[in-house]
Amino acid sequence: MIRLYYHPGNASLAPHVLLEEIGAPFELVFVDRANGAHKSPEYLKLNPNGQIPVLVDGGFVLYEAAAICLYLADRFPEARLVPPLRTPERGHLYQWLFWCTNTLQAMLMHYFYGERMVDDGDAVAAAQVKKHAEARIGAMLDRLDEQLGSHGGDWLLGSTFSAADPYALMLARWTRNFARPARSLPRLGPYLQRMLERPAVQRAFATEKLSTPFV
């Protein structure tokens, strides 16, 4: 059985939602971040980076959330979570999934962990990192909002739900306490509500005991 090592609301949320969408049996394994379980020798054998999530499928171990999402979508083609190979639509999926993880998620890490980018104890510099990161994230949310308005469909890539949608939901959720959260944008707001109406999303949120505001 597939096992997903997770912590509520972390980068494991997108793979968790995908597993719920797929409907195949899987097991969630809680990683107690608060007590450093992600840095334990046992966990580091699975992911030497000490980050969440990790997927274990039989004897196969995979980390990096976006890679796990693509793997699951390909592993279960009957779920139709990715366009066919060698098509422009497949390339479009790669573009937006990688944009989410390499661009938006990377800047969100600067926002939440600005102290990692400066000298130890430099609270003023860390605050500057956070401030500038939030401004850049705002522009990225505008780009995401523009994408949703470019095709008239309900989902990130158009009329078909894909593996990129849970990833976009997860990152948008991380902005919920911003002065200008993703839900406040004209197209992102309704899109996120559509996401929250999906039974798979509701199951994942309930299992992880996520609190409101959900996005």
C-alpha atoms as a PDB file:
ATOM      1  CA  MET A   1       0.000   0.000   0.000  1.00  0.00           C
ATOM      2  CA  ILE A   2       1.120   3.556  -0.699  1.00  0.00           C
ATOM      3  CA  ARG A   3       2.221   5.513   2.355  1.00  0.00           C
ATOM      4  CA  LEU A   4       2.377   9.306   2.495  1.00  0.00           C
ATOM      5  CA  TYR A   5       4.437  10.881   5.265  1.00  0.00           C
ATOM      6  CA  TYR A   6       2.673  14.123   6.085  1.00  0.00           C
ATOM      7  CA  HIS A   7       2.175  16.982   8.501  1.00  0.00           C
ATOM      8  CA  PRO A   8      -1.148  18.876   8.480  1.00  0.00           C
ATOM      9  CA  GLY A   9      -1.208  21.789   6.053  1.00  0.00           C
ATOM     10  CA  ASN A  10       2.396  21.286   4.939  1.00  0.00           C
ATOM     11  CA  ALA A  11       3.629  20.544   1.413  1.00  0.00           C
ATOM     12  CA  SER A  12       2.161  17.064   1.829  1.00  0.00           C
ATOM     13  CA  LEU A  13      -1.335  18.524   1.405  1.00  0.00           C
ATOM     14  CA  ALA A  14      -1.268  18.534  -2.411  1.00  0.00           C
ATOM     15  CA  PRO A  15      -0.244  14.842  -2.694  1.00  0.00           C
ATOM     16  CA  HIS A  16      -2.806  14.005  -0.008  1.00  0.00           C
ATOM     17  CA  VAL A  17      -5.588  15.656  -2.012  1.00  0.00           C
ATOM     18  CA  LEU A  18      -4.430  13.829  -5.148  1.00  0.00           C
ATOM     19  CA  LEU A  19      -4.549  10.494  -3.336  1.00  0.00           C
ATOM     20  CA  GLU A  20      -8.106  11.276  -2.270  1.00  0.00           C
ATOM     21  CA  GLU A  21      -8.976  12.178  -5.877  1.00  0.00           C
ATOM     22  CA  ILE A  22      -7.464   8.936  -7.143  1.00  0.00           C
ATOM     23  CA  GLY A  23      -9.342   6.791  -4.663  1.00  0.00           C
ATOM     24  CA  ALA A  24      -6.735   4.025  -4.379  1.00  0.00           C
ATOM     25  CA  PRO A  25      -5.913   2.679  -0.892  1.00  0.00           C
ATOM     26  CA  PHE A  26      -3.221   4.604   0.939  1.00  0.00           C
ATOM     27  CA  GLU A  27      -1.913   5.150   4.446  1.00  0.00           C
ATOM     28  CA  LEU A  28      -1.018   8.469   6.042  1.00  0.00           C
ATOM     29  CA  VAL A  29       1.988   8.522   8.361  1.00  0.00           C
ATOM     30  CA  PHE A  30       2.086  11.543  10.664  1.00  0.00           C
ATOM     31  CA  VAL A  31       5.453  13.274  10.955  1.00  0.00           C
ATOM     32  CA  ASP A  32       5.646  15.202  14.228  1.00  0.00           C
ATOM     33  CA  ARG A  33       7.459  18.325  13.059  1.00  0.00           C
ATOM     34  CA  ALA A  34       7.030  20.057  16.387  1.00  0.00           C
ATOM     35  CA  ASN A  35       9.217  17.421  18.016  1.00  0.00           C
ATOM     36  CA  GLY A  36      11.728  17.181  15.184  1.00  0.00           C
ATOM     37  CA  ALA A  37      10.577  13.855  13.760  1.00  0.00           C
ATOM     38  CA  HIS A  38      11.480  15.080  10.254  1.00  0.00           C
ATOM     39  CA  LYS A  39      15.109  15.314  11.401  1.00  0.00           C
ATOM     40  CA  SER A  40      15.223  11.893  13.045  1.00  0.00           C
ATOM     41  CA  PRO A  41      17.650   9.251  11.726  1.00  0.00           C
ATOM     42  CA  GLU A  42      14.715   7.093  10.641  1.00  0.00           C
ATOM     43  CA  TYR A  43      13.098   9.851   8.608  1.00  0.00           C
ATOM     44  CA  LEU A  44      16.399  11.040   7.124  1.00  0.00           C
ATOM     45  CA  LYS A  45      16.827   7.575   5.647  1.00  0.00           C
ATOM     46  CA  LEU A  46      13.710   8.312   3.585  1.00  0.00           C
ATOM     47  CA  ASN A  47      14.486  11.953   2.829  1.00  0.00           C
ATOM     48  CA  PRO A  48      18.024  13.119   3.620  1.00  0.00           C
ATOM     49  CA  ASN A  49      16.817  16.719   3.236  1.00  0.00           C
ATOM     50  CA  GLY A  50      14.648  16.322   6.323  1.00  0.00           C
ATOM     51  CA  GLN A  51      11.593  17.754   4.601  1.00  0.00           C
ATOM     52  CA  ILE A  52       7.969  16.727   4.255  1.00  0.00           C
ATOM     53  CA  PRO A  53       6.462  14.899   2.346  1.00  0.00           C
ATOM     54  CA  VAL A  54       7.782  11.479   1.452  1.00  0.00           C
ATOM     55  CA  LEU A  55       5.878   8.873  -0.561  1.00  0.00           C
ATOM     56  CA  VAL A  56       6.636   5.171  -0.213  1.00  0.00           C
ATOM     57  CA  ASP A  57       5.145   2.859  -2.839  1.00  0.00           C
ATOM     58  CA  GLY A  58       6.272  -0.660  -2.087  1.00  0.00           C
ATOM     59  CA  GLY A  59      10.067  -0.469  -2.150  1.00  0.00           C
ATOM     60  CA  PHE A  60      10.096   2.854  -4.003  1.00  0.00           C
ATOM     61  CA  VAL A  61      10.749   6.045  -2.020  1.00  0.00           C
ATOM     62  CA  LEU A  62      10.101   9.497  -3.469  1.00  0.00           C
ATOM     63  CA  TYR A  63      10.360  13.002  -2.054  1.00  0.00           C
ATOM     64  CA  GLU A  64       9.642  16.520  -3.396  1.00  0.00           C
ATOM     65  CA  ALA A  65       5.918  17.299  -3.420  1.00  0.00           C
ATOM     66  CA  ALA A  66       5.648  18.218  -7.105  1.00  0.00           C
ATOM     67  CA  ALA A  67       7.484  15.042  -8.123  1.00  0.00           C
ATOM     68  CA  ILE A  68       5.121  13.008  -5.941  1.00  0.00           C
ATOM     69  CA  CYS A  69       2.108  14.661  -7.603  1.00  0.00           C
ATOM     70  CA  LEU A  70       3.380  13.818 -11.091  1.00  0.00           C
ATOM     71  CA  TYR A  71       4.253  10.281 -10.041  1.00  0.00           C
ATOM     72  CA  LEU A  72       0.797   9.662  -8.616  1.00  0.00           C
ATOM     73  CA  ALA A  73      -0.907  11.095 -11.699  1.00  0.00           C
ATOM     74  CA  ASP A  74       1.137   8.803 -13.952  1.00  0.00           C
ATOM     75  CA  ARG A  75       0.819   5.841 -11.587  1.00  0.00           C
ATOM     76  CA  PHE A  76      -2.973   6.008 -11.816  1.00  0.00           C
ATOM     77  CA  PRO A  77      -3.797   7.064 -15.395  1.00  0.00           C
ATOM     78  CA  GLU A  78      -7.429   6.072 -14.954  1.00  0.00           C
ATOM     79  CA  ALA A  79      -7.857   9.116 -12.696  1.00  0.00           C
ATOM     80  CA  ARG A  80      -7.085  11.387 -15.683  1.00  0.00           C
ATOM     81  CA  LEU A  81      -5.106  13.909 -13.660  1.00  0.00           C
ATOM     82  CA  VAL A  82      -2.578  14.688 -16.406  1.00  0.00           C
ATOM     83  CA  PRO A  83      -2.966  15.275 -20.153  1.00  0.00           C
ATOM     84  CA  PRO A  84      -1.495  12.699 -22.553  1.00  0.00           C
ATOM     85  CA  LEU A  85       2.255  12.560 -23.053  1.00  0.00           C
ATOM     86  CA  ARG A  86       3.824  14.468 -25.943  1.00  0.00           C
ATOM     87  CA  THR A  87       0.992  16.989 -26.156  1.00  0.00           C
ATOM     88  CA  PRO A  88       1.022  20.766 -25.685  1.00  0.00           C
ATOM     89  CA  GLU A  89      -1.451  20.287 -22.855  1.00  0.00           C
ATOM     90  CA  ARG A  90       1.043  18.070 -21.038  1.00  0.00           C
ATOM     91  CA  GLY A  91       3.704  20.740 -21.467  1.00  0.00           C
ATOM     92  CA  HIS A  92       1.288  23.288 -20.050  1.00  0.00           C
ATOM     93  CA  LEU A  93       0.824  21.115 -16.968  1.00  0.00           C
ATOM     94  CA  TYR A  94       4.597  20.930 -16.479  1.00  0.00           C
ATOM     95  CA  GLN A  95       4.861  24.690 -16.826  1.00  0.00           C
ATOM     96  CA  TRP A  96       2.312  25.499 -14.148  1.00  0.00           C
ATOM     97  CA  LEU A  97       3.254  22.761 -11.717  1.00  0.00           C
ATOM     98  CA  PHE A  98       6.919  23.765 -11.895  1.00  0.00           C
ATOM     99  CA  TRP A  99       5.981  27.441 -11.671  1.00  0.00           C
ATOM    100  CA  CYS A 100       4.043  26.673  -8.512  1.00  0.00           C
ATOM    101  CA  THR A 101       6.920  24.866  -6.847  1.00  0.00           C
ATOM    102  CA  ASN A 102       9.943  26.755  -8.239  1.00  0.00           C
ATOM    103  CA  THR A 103       8.537  30.289  -8.241  1.00  0.00           C
ATOM    104  CA  LEU A 104       5.571  30.773  -5.915  1.00  0.00           C
ATOM    105  CA  GLN A 105       6.455  28.142  -3.310  1.00  0.00           C
ATOM    106  CA  ALA A 106      10.102  29.237  -3.231  1.00  0.00           C
ATOM    107  CA  MET A 107       9.069  32.822  -2.482  1.00  0.00           C
ATOM    108  CA  LEU A 108       6.604  31.647   0.151  1.00  0.00           C
ATOM    109  CA  MET A 109       9.533  29.960   1.898  1.00  0.00           C
ATOM    110  CA  HIS A 110      11.311  33.324   1.999  1.00  0.00           C
ATOM    111  CA  TYR A 111       8.179  34.847   3.537  1.00  0.00           C
ATOM    112  CA  PHE A 112       7.764  32.225   6.245  1.00  0.00           C
ATOM    113  CA  TYR A 113      11.447  31.645   6.958  1.00  0.00           C
ATOM    114  CA  GLY A 114      13.081  35.013   6.303  1.00  0.00           C
ATOM    115  CA  GLU A 115      15.494  34.442   9.181  1.00  0.00           C
ATOM    116  CA  ARG A 116      17.177  31.714   7.163  1.00  0.00           C
ATOM    117  CA  MET A 117      18.263  34.288   4.576  1.00  0.00           C
ATOM    118  CA  VAL A 118      20.079  36.641   6.971  1.00  0.00           C
ATOM    119  CA  ASP A 119      22.678  36.575   9.712  1.00  0.00           C
ATOM    120  CA  ASP A 120      21.640  34.917  12.952  1.00  0.00           C
ATOM    121  CA  GLY A 121      19.650  37.226  15.166  1.00  0.00           C
ATOM    122  CA  ASP A 122      19.189  39.981  12.579  1.00  0.00           C
ATOM    123  CA  ALA A 123      15.468  40.525  13.100  1.00  0.00           C
ATOM    124  CA  VAL A 124      15.412  43.757  11.091  1.00  0.00           C
ATOM    125  CA  ALA A 125      16.858  42.073   7.992  1.00  0.00           C
ATOM    126  CA  ALA A 126      14.535  39.089   8.415  1.00  0.00           C
ATOM    127  CA  ALA A 127      11.557  41.457   8.519  1.00  0.00           C
ATOM    128  CA  GLN A 128      12.742  43.091   5.310  1.00  0.00           C
ATOM    129  CA  VAL A 129      12.983  39.695   3.615  1.00  0.00           C
ATOM    130  CA  LYS A 130       9.425  38.914   4.715  1.00  0.00           C
ATOM    131  CA  LYS A 131       8.091  42.284   3.541  1.00  0.00           C
ATOM    132  CA  HIS A 132       9.680  42.042   0.092  1.00  0.00           C
ATOM    133  CA  ALA A 133       8.648  38.401  -0.269  1.00  0.00           C
ATOM    134  CA  GLU A 134       5.007  39.272   0.425  1.00  0.00           C
ATOM    135  CA  ALA A 135       5.109  41.976  -2.250  1.00  0.00           C
ATOM    136  CA  ARG A 136       6.573  39.557  -4.794  1.00  0.00           C
ATOM    137  CA  ILE A 137       4.058  36.883  -3.859  1.00  0.00           C
ATOM    138  CA  GLY A 138       1.294  39.402  -4.500  1.00  0.00           C
ATOM    139  CA  ALA A 139       2.507  39.846  -8.070  1.00  0.00           C
ATOM    140  CA  MET A 140       2.663  36.064  -8.467  1.00  0.00           C
ATOM    141  CA  LEU A 141      -0.908  35.707  -7.262  1.00  0.00           C
ATOM    142  CA  ASP A 142      -1.893  38.261  -9.895  1.00  0.00           C
ATOM    143  CA  ARG A 143      -0.222  36.034 -12.486  1.00  0.00           C
ATOM    144  CA  LEU A 144      -2.172  33.037 -11.240  1.00  0.00           C
ATOM    145  CA  ASP A 145      -5.369  35.067 -11.351  1.00  0.00           C
ATOM    146  CA  GLU A 146      -4.602  36.079 -14.953  1.00  0.00           C
ATOM    147  CA  GLN A 147      -4.083  32.450 -15.904  1.00  0.00           C
ATOM    148  CA  LEU A 148      -7.519  31.554 -14.580  1.00  0.00           C
ATOM    149  CA  GLY A 149      -9.020  34.360 -16.646  1.00  0.00           C
ATOM    150  CA  SER A 150      -7.193  33.398 -19.842  1.00  0.00           C
ATOM    151  CA  HIS A 151      -9.288  30.389 -20.808  1.00  0.00           C
ATOM    152  CA  GLY A 152     -12.741  30.628 -19.217  1.00  0.00           C
ATOM    153  CA  GLY A 153     -12.491  27.193 -17.625  1.00  0.00           C
ATOM    154  CA  ASP A 154     -13.061  26.248 -14.010  1.00  0.00           C
ATOM    155  CA  TRP A 155      -9.579  24.881 -13.330  1.00  0.00           C
ATOM    156  CA  LEU A 156      -6.001  26.075 -13.548  1.00  0.00           C
ATOM    157  CA  LEU A 157      -5.342  24.583 -16.990  1.00  0.00           C
ATOM    158  CA  GLY A 158      -8.819  25.133 -18.370  1.00  0.00           C
ATOM    159  CA  SER A 159     -11.903  22.948 -18.345  1.00  0.00           C
ATOM    160  CA  THR A 160     -10.212  19.818 -16.958  1.00  0.00           C
ATOM    161  CA  PHE A 161      -9.129  19.308 -13.365  1.00  0.00           C
ATOM    162  CA  SER A 162      -5.485  18.253 -13.149  1.00  0.00           C
ATOM    163  CA  ALA A 163      -2.646  17.451 -10.769  1.00  0.00           C
ATOM    164  CA  ALA A 164      -1.728  21.142 -10.800  1.00  0.00           C
ATOM    165  CA  ASP A 165      -4.946  22.184  -9.064  1.00  0.00           C
ATOM    166  CA  PRO A 166      -4.278  20.691  -5.600  1.00  0.00           C
ATOM    167  CA  TYR A 167      -0.826  22.275  -5.720  1.00  0.00           C
ATOM    168  CA  ALA A 168      -2.254  25.701  -6.501  1.00  0.00           C
ATOM    169  CA  LEU A 169      -4.825  25.255  -3.723  1.00  0.00           C
ATOM    170  CA  MET A 170      -2.128  24.356  -1.200  1.00  0.00           C
ATOM    171  CA  LEU A 171      -0.002  27.402  -1.987  1.00  0.00           C
ATOM    172  CA  ALA A 172      -2.983  29.743  -2.098  1.00  0.00           C
ATOM    173  CA  ARG A 173      -3.976  28.447   1.336  1.00  0.00           C
ATOM    174  CA  TRP A 174      -0.597  29.487   2.701  1.00  0.00           C
ATOM    175  CA  THR A 175      -1.483  33.122   1.918  1.00  0.00           C
ATOM    176  CA  ARG A 176      -4.696  33.032   3.961  1.00  0.00           C
ATOM    177  CA  ASN A 177      -3.327  35.401   6.620  1.00  0.00           C
ATOM    178  CA  PHE A 178      -1.757  37.864   4.193  1.00  0.00           C
ATOM    179  CA  ALA A 179      -3.070  41.418   3.951  1.00  0.00           C
ATOM    180  CA  ARG A 180      -4.070  40.475   0.381  1.00  0.00           C
ATOM    181  CA  PRO A 181      -4.690  36.720   0.369  1.00  0.00           C
ATOM    182  CA  ALA A 182      -5.282  34.662  -2.735  1.00  0.00           C
ATOM    183  CA  ARG A 183      -8.995  34.394  -1.951  1.00  0.00           C
ATOM    184  CA  SER A 184      -9.372  38.175  -2.368  1.00  0.00           C
ATOM    185  CA  LEU A 185      -8.495  38.116  -6.079  1.00  0.00           C
ATOM    186  CA  PRO A 186     -11.419  38.176  -8.530  1.00  0.00           C
ATOM    187  CA  ARG A 187     -10.772  34.827 -10.216  1.00  0.00           C
ATOM    188  CA  LEU A 188      -8.721  33.062  -7.569  1.00  0.00           C
ATOM    189  CA  GLY A 189     -11.447  33.527  -4.965  1.00  0.00           C
ATOM    190  CA  PRO A 190     -14.184  31.637  -6.876  1.00  0.00           C
ATOM    191  CA  TYR A 191     -11.607  29.071  -8.052  1.00  0.00           C
ATOM    192  CA  LEU A 192     -10.614  28.299  -4.475  1.00  0.00           C
ATOM    193  CA  GLN A 193     -14.255  27.927  -3.507  1.00  0.00           C
ATOM    194  CA  ARG A 194     -14.711  25.412  -6.326  1.00  0.00           C
ATOM    195  CA  MET A 195     -11.696  23.535  -5.014  1.00  0.00           C
ATOM    196  CA  LEU A 196     -13.132  23.474  -1.500  1.00  0.00           C
ATOM    197  CA  GLU A 197     -16.362  21.986  -2.847  1.00  0.00           C
ATOM    198  CA  ARG A 198     -14.586  18.904  -4.195  1.00  0.00           C
ATOM    199  CA  PRO A 199     -15.229  15.857  -1.955  1.00  0.00           C
ATOM    200  CA  ALA A 200     -11.568  14.805  -2.158  1.00  0.00           C
ATOM    201  CA  VAL A 201     -10.457  18.191  -0.846  1.00  0.00           C
ATOM    202  CA  GLN A 202     -13.038  18.070   1.928  1.00  0.00           C
ATOM    203  CA  ARG A 203     -11.864  14.598   2.975  1.00  0.00           C
ATOM    204  CA  ALA A 204      -8.207  15.642   3.028  1.00  0.00           C
ATOM    205  CA  PHE A 205      -8.922  18.802   5.022  1.00  0.00           C
ATOM    206  CA  ALA A 206     -11.067  16.875   7.497  1.00  0.00           C
ATOM    207  CA  THR A 207      -8.466  14.146   7.953  1.00  0.00           C
ATOM    208  CA  GLU A 208      -5.730  16.704   8.560  1.00  0.00           C
ATOM    209  CA  LYS A 209      -8.046  18.627  10.910  1.00  0.00           C
ATOM    210  CA  LEU A 210      -7.307  21.916   9.169  1.00  0.00           C
ATOM    211  CA  SER A 211      -9.023  24.916  10.692  1.00  0.00           C
ATOM    212  CA  THR A 212     -10.759  27.849   9.056  1.00  0.00           C
ATOM    213  CA  PRO A 213     -10.094  29.944   7.152  1.00  0.00           C
ATOM    214  CA  PHE A 214      -9.324  27.070   4.814  1.00  0.00           C
ATOM    215  CA  VAL A 215      -7.929  29.442   2.175  1.00  0.00           C
END
